[in-house]
């Protein structure tokens, strides 16, 4: 009887862990070059990587991903990087009282940032709750990364600052 219970528990845990992937929820924003973007609709037909940050500390960690991600998936500077055909988005989220800083931060980043990053940085202004609940955004000090498939299903979720190990996980998911 105990063996049967363990087997049933294992099956339940396994089916929960392999539950059909959650769809990335719709997020509307604006790129640094002024274009309106709806994610994951903008990603249709391609695997994509979406990074979210909703605090200053998380934004700093999100920035640690800009160069390695851009080099690998956009500029394709590495030996086998040309094999990747993905869309890439970094999303600073302006929620709560921080929404008042949206316009000034957007202007500041347009003045300071590399223009080659403009299409890949999407500013979001609105509520966090729908995303926190659906995506499990629990720690505001961390950025969260989602690898999604061609239909918007989440294949992989990571959080934190850049590391080679995390990049390898992303590559494996692609």
C-alpha atoms as a PDB file:
ATOM      1  CA  UNK A   1       0.000   0.000   0.000  1.00  0.00           C
ATOM      2  CA  UNK A   2       2.817   2.395   0.906  1.00  0.00           C
ATOM      3  CA  UNK A   3       4.522   1.697  -2.442  1.00  0.00           C
ATOM      4  CA  UNK A   4       1.324   2.517  -4.295  1.00  0.00           C
ATOM      5  CA  UNK A   5       0.948   5.798  -2.379  1.00  0.00           C
ATOM      6  CA  UNK A   6       4.549   6.765  -3.156  1.00  0.00           C
ATOM      7  CA  UNK A   7       4.070   5.919  -6.824  1.00  0.00           C
ATOM      8  CA  UNK A   8       0.889   7.998  -6.961  1.00  0.00           C
ATOM      9  CA  UNK A   9       2.639  10.911  -5.242  1.00  0.00           C
ATOM     10  CA  UNK A  10       5.529  10.672  -7.697  1.00  0.00           C
ATOM     11  CA  UNK A  11       3.120  10.646 -10.646  1.00  0.00           C
ATOM     12  CA  UNK A  12       1.255  13.669  -9.245  1.00  0.00           C
ATOM     13  CA  UNK A  13       4.486  15.579  -8.677  1.00  0.00           C
ATOM     14  CA  UNK A  14       5.786  14.620 -12.115  1.00  0.00           C
ATOM     15  CA  UNK A  15       2.599  15.674 -13.880  1.00  0.00           C
ATOM     16  CA  UNK A  16       2.616  18.970 -11.988  1.00  0.00           C
ATOM     17  CA  UNK A  17       6.249  19.606 -12.943  1.00  0.00           C
ATOM     18  CA  UNK A  18       5.590  18.720 -16.574  1.00  0.00           C
ATOM     19  CA  UNK A  19       2.220  20.433 -16.673  1.00  0.00           C
ATOM     20  CA  UNK A  20       1.706  22.001 -20.087  1.00  0.00           C
ATOM     21  CA  UNK A  21       3.709  25.189 -20.122  1.00  0.00           C
ATOM     22  CA  UNK A  22       2.028  28.333 -18.905  1.00  0.00           C
ATOM     23  CA  UNK A  23       1.416  31.018 -21.480  1.00  0.00           C
ATOM     24  CA  UNK A  24       3.269  34.264 -20.951  1.00  0.00           C
ATOM     25  CA  UNK A  25       0.596  36.860 -20.061  1.00  0.00           C
ATOM     26  CA  UNK A  26      -0.015  39.803 -22.374  1.00  0.00           C
ATOM     27  CA  UNK A  27       2.185  42.793 -21.535  1.00  0.00           C
ATOM     28  CA  UNK A  28       1.927  46.088 -23.421  1.00  0.00           C
ATOM     29  CA  UNK A  29       4.826  48.491 -23.475  1.00  0.00           C
ATOM     30  CA  UNK A  30       6.929  50.916 -25.453  1.00  0.00           C
ATOM     31  CA  UNK A  31      10.416  50.398 -26.848  1.00  0.00           C
ATOM     32  CA  UNK A  32      13.131  53.005 -26.451  1.00  0.00           C
ATOM     33  CA  UNK A  33      12.641  53.851 -30.126  1.00  0.00           C
ATOM     34  CA  UNK A  34       8.981  54.722 -29.379  1.00  0.00           C
ATOM     35  CA  UNK A  35       7.275  51.669 -30.881  1.00  0.00           C
ATOM     36  CA  UNK A  36       4.287  50.099 -29.071  1.00  0.00           C
ATOM     37  CA  UNK A  37       4.836  46.421 -28.331  1.00  0.00           C
ATOM     38  CA  UNK A  38       2.565  43.653 -27.039  1.00  0.00           C
ATOM     39  CA  UNK A  39       4.319  40.629 -25.619  1.00  0.00           C
ATOM     40  CA  UNK A  40       4.089  37.745 -26.368  1.00  0.00           C
ATOM     41  CA  UNK A  41       2.250  38.694 -29.591  1.00  0.00           C
ATOM     42  CA  UNK A  42       5.453  40.380 -30.809  1.00  0.00           C
ATOM     43  CA  UNK A  43       7.188  37.016 -30.392  1.00  0.00           C
ATOM     44  CA  UNK A  44       4.796  34.955 -32.539  1.00  0.00           C
ATOM     45  CA  UNK A  45       6.607  32.462 -34.711  1.00  0.00           C
ATOM     46  CA  UNK A  46       9.960  32.640 -32.887  1.00  0.00           C
ATOM     47  CA  UNK A  47      11.329  31.477 -29.613  1.00  0.00           C
ATOM     48  CA  UNK A  48      11.962  34.497 -27.428  1.00  0.00           C
ATOM     49  CA  UNK A  49      13.627  35.632 -24.238  1.00  0.00           C
ATOM     50  CA  UNK A  50      11.877  38.168 -22.028  1.00  0.00           C
ATOM     51  CA  UNK A  51      13.594  39.691 -18.994  1.00  0.00           C
ATOM     52  CA  UNK A  52      11.503  41.554 -16.386  1.00  0.00           C
ATOM     53  CA  UNK A  53      12.646  43.819 -13.537  1.00  0.00           C
ATOM     54  CA  UNK A  54      10.371  45.792 -11.230  1.00  0.00           C
ATOM     55  CA  UNK A  55      12.772  47.489  -8.799  1.00  0.00           C
ATOM     56  CA  UNK A  56      15.965  49.501  -9.027  1.00  0.00           C
ATOM     57  CA  UNK A  57      18.046  46.667  -7.621  1.00  0.00           C
ATOM     58  CA  UNK A  58      16.509  44.192 -10.060  1.00  0.00           C
ATOM     59  CA  UNK A  59      17.129  46.652 -12.890  1.00  0.00           C
ATOM     60  CA  UNK A  60      20.853  46.656 -12.051  1.00  0.00           C
ATOM     61  CA  UNK A  61      20.920  42.856 -12.250  1.00  0.00           C
ATOM     62  CA  UNK A  62      18.887  42.948 -15.481  1.00  0.00           C
ATOM     63  CA  UNK A  63      21.523  45.224 -16.978  1.00  0.00           C
ATOM     64  CA  UNK A  64      24.161  42.534 -16.347  1.00  0.00           C
ATOM     65  CA  UNK A  65      22.398  40.498 -19.047  1.00  0.00           C
ATOM     66  CA  UNK A  66      22.285  43.213 -21.751  1.00  0.00           C
ATOM     67  CA  UNK A  67      25.711  42.742 -23.294  1.00  0.00           C
ATOM     68  CA  UNK A  68      26.004  38.924 -23.193  1.00  0.00           C
ATOM     69  CA  UNK A  69      22.444  38.458 -24.479  1.00  0.00           C
ATOM     70  CA  UNK A  70      22.821  41.083 -27.194  1.00  0.00           C
ATOM     71  CA  UNK A  71      26.179  39.657 -28.297  1.00  0.00           C
ATOM     72  CA  UNK A  72      24.841  36.090 -28.475  1.00  0.00           C
ATOM     73  CA  UNK A  73      21.310  36.514 -29.820  1.00  0.00           C
ATOM     74  CA  UNK A  74      21.388  39.776 -31.792  1.00  0.00           C
ATOM     75  CA  UNK A  75      24.966  40.562 -32.868  1.00  0.00           C
ATOM     76  CA  UNK A  76      25.798  36.818 -32.941  1.00  0.00           C
ATOM     77  CA  UNK A  77      29.505  37.333 -32.229  1.00  0.00           C
ATOM     78  CA  UNK A  78      30.271  33.804 -30.995  1.00  0.00           C
ATOM     79  CA  UNK A  79      31.267  30.838 -33.119  1.00  0.00           C
ATOM     80  CA  UNK A  80      27.851  29.098 -33.074  1.00  0.00           C
ATOM     81  CA  UNK A  81      25.663  32.106 -32.210  1.00  0.00           C
ATOM     82  CA  UNK A  82      24.381  32.354 -35.787  1.00  0.00           C
ATOM     83  CA  UNK A  83      22.293  29.244 -35.111  1.00  0.00           C
ATOM     84  CA  UNK A  84      19.973  31.177 -32.772  1.00  0.00           C
ATOM     85  CA  UNK A  85      16.904  32.830 -34.249  1.00  0.00           C
ATOM     86  CA  UNK A  86      15.214  34.371 -31.223  1.00  0.00           C
ATOM     87  CA  UNK A  87      13.592  37.616 -30.217  1.00  0.00           C
ATOM     88  CA  UNK A  88      14.939  39.371 -27.142  1.00  0.00           C
ATOM     89  CA  UNK A  89      13.270  41.854 -24.803  1.00  0.00           C
ATOM     90  CA  UNK A  90      14.383  43.526 -21.568  1.00  0.00           C
ATOM     91  CA  UNK A  91      11.414  44.983 -19.681  1.00  0.00           C
ATOM     92  CA  UNK A  92      11.845  47.518 -16.887  1.00  0.00           C
ATOM     93  CA  UNK A  93       8.465  47.619 -15.121  1.00  0.00           C
ATOM     94  CA  UNK A  94       7.171  50.868 -13.641  1.00  0.00           C
ATOM     95  CA  UNK A  95       4.598  49.921 -11.019  1.00  0.00           C
ATOM     96  CA  UNK A  96       2.881  51.736  -8.175  1.00  0.00           C
ATOM     97  CA  UNK A  97       4.370  55.139  -7.337  1.00  0.00           C
ATOM     98  CA  UNK A  98       7.291  54.509  -9.717  1.00  0.00           C
ATOM     99  CA  UNK A  99       4.908  55.068 -12.628  1.00  0.00           C
ATOM    100  CA  UNK A 100       5.454  58.794 -12.088  1.00  0.00           C
ATOM    101  CA  UNK A 101       9.109  58.298 -13.113  1.00  0.00           C
ATOM    102  CA  UNK A 102       8.222  56.571 -16.384  1.00  0.00           C
ATOM    103  CA  UNK A 103       8.558  59.518 -18.784  1.00  0.00           C
ATOM    104  CA  UNK A 104      11.684  61.013 -17.205  1.00  0.00           C
ATOM    105  CA  UNK A 105      13.437  57.630 -17.081  1.00  0.00           C
ATOM    106  CA  UNK A 106      12.456  56.893 -20.675  1.00  0.00           C
ATOM    107  CA  UNK A 107      13.946  60.209 -21.837  1.00  0.00           C
ATOM    108  CA  UNK A 108      17.083  59.699 -19.745  1.00  0.00           C
ATOM    109  CA  UNK A 109      17.681  56.204 -21.129  1.00  0.00           C
ATOM    110  CA  UNK A 110      17.077  57.379 -24.683  1.00  0.00           C
ATOM    111  CA  UNK A 111      19.816  59.948 -24.160  1.00  0.00           C
ATOM    112  CA  UNK A 112      22.262  57.575 -22.439  1.00  0.00           C
ATOM    113  CA  UNK A 113      21.675  54.152 -23.996  1.00  0.00           C
ATOM    114  CA  UNK A 114      23.200  52.635 -27.085  1.00  0.00           C
ATOM    115  CA  UNK A 115      20.795  53.059 -29.973  1.00  0.00           C
ATOM    116  CA  UNK A 116      21.373  49.440 -31.022  1.00  0.00           C
ATOM    117  CA  UNK A 117      19.562  48.360 -27.819  1.00  0.00           C
ATOM    118  CA  UNK A 118      16.465  50.534 -28.428  1.00  0.00           C
ATOM    119  CA  UNK A 119      14.294  47.844 -30.063  1.00  0.00           C
ATOM    120  CA  UNK A 120      15.067  45.367 -27.277  1.00  0.00           C
ATOM    121  CA  UNK A 121      14.206  47.502 -24.234  1.00  0.00           C
ATOM    122  CA  UNK A 122      10.449  47.642 -23.567  1.00  0.00           C
ATOM    123  CA  UNK A 123       9.100  49.981 -20.890  1.00  0.00           C
ATOM    124  CA  UNK A 124       6.005  48.758 -19.037  1.00  0.00           C
ATOM    125  CA  UNK A 125       3.797  50.980 -16.881  1.00  0.00           C
ATOM    126  CA  UNK A 126       0.943  49.477 -14.889  1.00  0.00           C
ATOM    127  CA  UNK A 127       0.079  46.908 -12.245  1.00  0.00           C
ATOM    128  CA  UNK A 128       2.440  44.185 -11.108  1.00  0.00           C
ATOM    129  CA  UNK A 129      -0.187  41.862  -9.652  1.00  0.00           C
ATOM    130  CA  UNK A 130      -1.267  40.024 -12.814  1.00  0.00           C
ATOM    131  CA  UNK A 131       2.379  39.242 -13.621  1.00  0.00           C
ATOM    132  CA  UNK A 132       3.432  38.501 -10.042  1.00  0.00           C
ATOM    133  CA  UNK A 133       0.637  35.949  -9.703  1.00  0.00           C
ATOM    134  CA  UNK A 134       0.975  34.294 -13.118  1.00  0.00           C
ATOM    135  CA  UNK A 135       4.765  34.352 -13.398  1.00  0.00           C
ATOM    136  CA  UNK A 136       5.781  33.921  -9.761  1.00  0.00           C
ATOM    137  CA  UNK A 137       7.584  37.258  -9.421  1.00  0.00           C
ATOM    138  CA  UNK A 138       8.207  37.060  -5.675  1.00  0.00           C
ATOM    139  CA  UNK A 139      11.527  38.764  -5.036  1.00  0.00           C
ATOM    140  CA  UNK A 140      11.608  42.357  -6.205  1.00  0.00           C
ATOM    141  CA  UNK A 141      15.414  42.465  -5.970  1.00  0.00           C
ATOM    142  CA  UNK A 142      15.769  39.948  -8.828  1.00  0.00           C
ATOM    143  CA  UNK A 143      15.153  40.186 -12.553  1.00  0.00           C
ATOM    144  CA  UNK A 144      13.213  37.276 -14.040  1.00  0.00           C
ATOM    145  CA  UNK A 145      13.856  35.718 -17.438  1.00  0.00           C
ATOM    146  CA  UNK A 146      11.438  33.668 -19.478  1.00  0.00           C
ATOM    147  CA  UNK A 147      12.257  31.628 -22.540  1.00  0.00           C
ATOM    148  CA  UNK A 148       9.044  31.214 -24.499  1.00  0.00           C
ATOM    149  CA  UNK A 149       8.248  29.134 -27.532  1.00  0.00           C
ATOM    150  CA  UNK A 150       6.774  30.267 -30.849  1.00  0.00           C
ATOM    151  CA  UNK A 151       3.272  30.279 -29.335  1.00  0.00           C
ATOM    152  CA  UNK A 152       4.039  32.140 -26.104  1.00  0.00           C
ATOM    153  CA  UNK A 153       4.382  29.092 -23.835  1.00  0.00           C
ATOM    154  CA  UNK A 154       6.999  29.436 -21.115  1.00  0.00           C
ATOM    155  CA  UNK A 155       9.758  26.864 -21.589  1.00  0.00           C
ATOM    156  CA  UNK A 156      12.167  28.088 -18.900  1.00  0.00           C
ATOM    157  CA  UNK A 157      12.157  30.569 -16.034  1.00  0.00           C
ATOM    158  CA  UNK A 158      15.335  31.949 -14.449  1.00  0.00           C
ATOM    159  CA  UNK A 159      16.068  34.798 -12.065  1.00  0.00           C
ATOM    160  CA  UNK A 160      19.035  36.815 -10.872  1.00  0.00           C
ATOM    161  CA  UNK A 161      22.179  38.335 -12.316  1.00  0.00           C
ATOM    162  CA  UNK A 162      23.937  36.972 -15.372  1.00  0.00           C
ATOM    163  CA  UNK A 163      26.058  33.837 -15.085  1.00  0.00           C
ATOM    164  CA  UNK A 164      27.523  31.482 -17.673  1.00  0.00           C
ATOM    165  CA  UNK A 165      25.534  28.613 -16.143  1.00  0.00           C
ATOM    166  CA  UNK A 166      22.240  30.475 -16.586  1.00  0.00           C
ATOM    167  CA  UNK A 167      23.152  31.322 -20.174  1.00  0.00           C
ATOM    168  CA  UNK A 168      23.821  27.621 -20.802  1.00  0.00           C
ATOM    169  CA  UNK A 169      20.342  26.807 -19.427  1.00  0.00           C
ATOM    170  CA  UNK A 170      18.820  29.341 -21.811  1.00  0.00           C
ATOM    171  CA  UNK A 171      20.753  27.899 -24.740  1.00  0.00           C
ATOM    172  CA  UNK A 172      19.592  24.380 -23.820  1.00  0.00           C
ATOM    173  CA  UNK A 173      15.955  25.566 -23.751  1.00  0.00           C
ATOM    174  CA  UNK A 174      16.297  27.096 -27.197  1.00  0.00           C
END
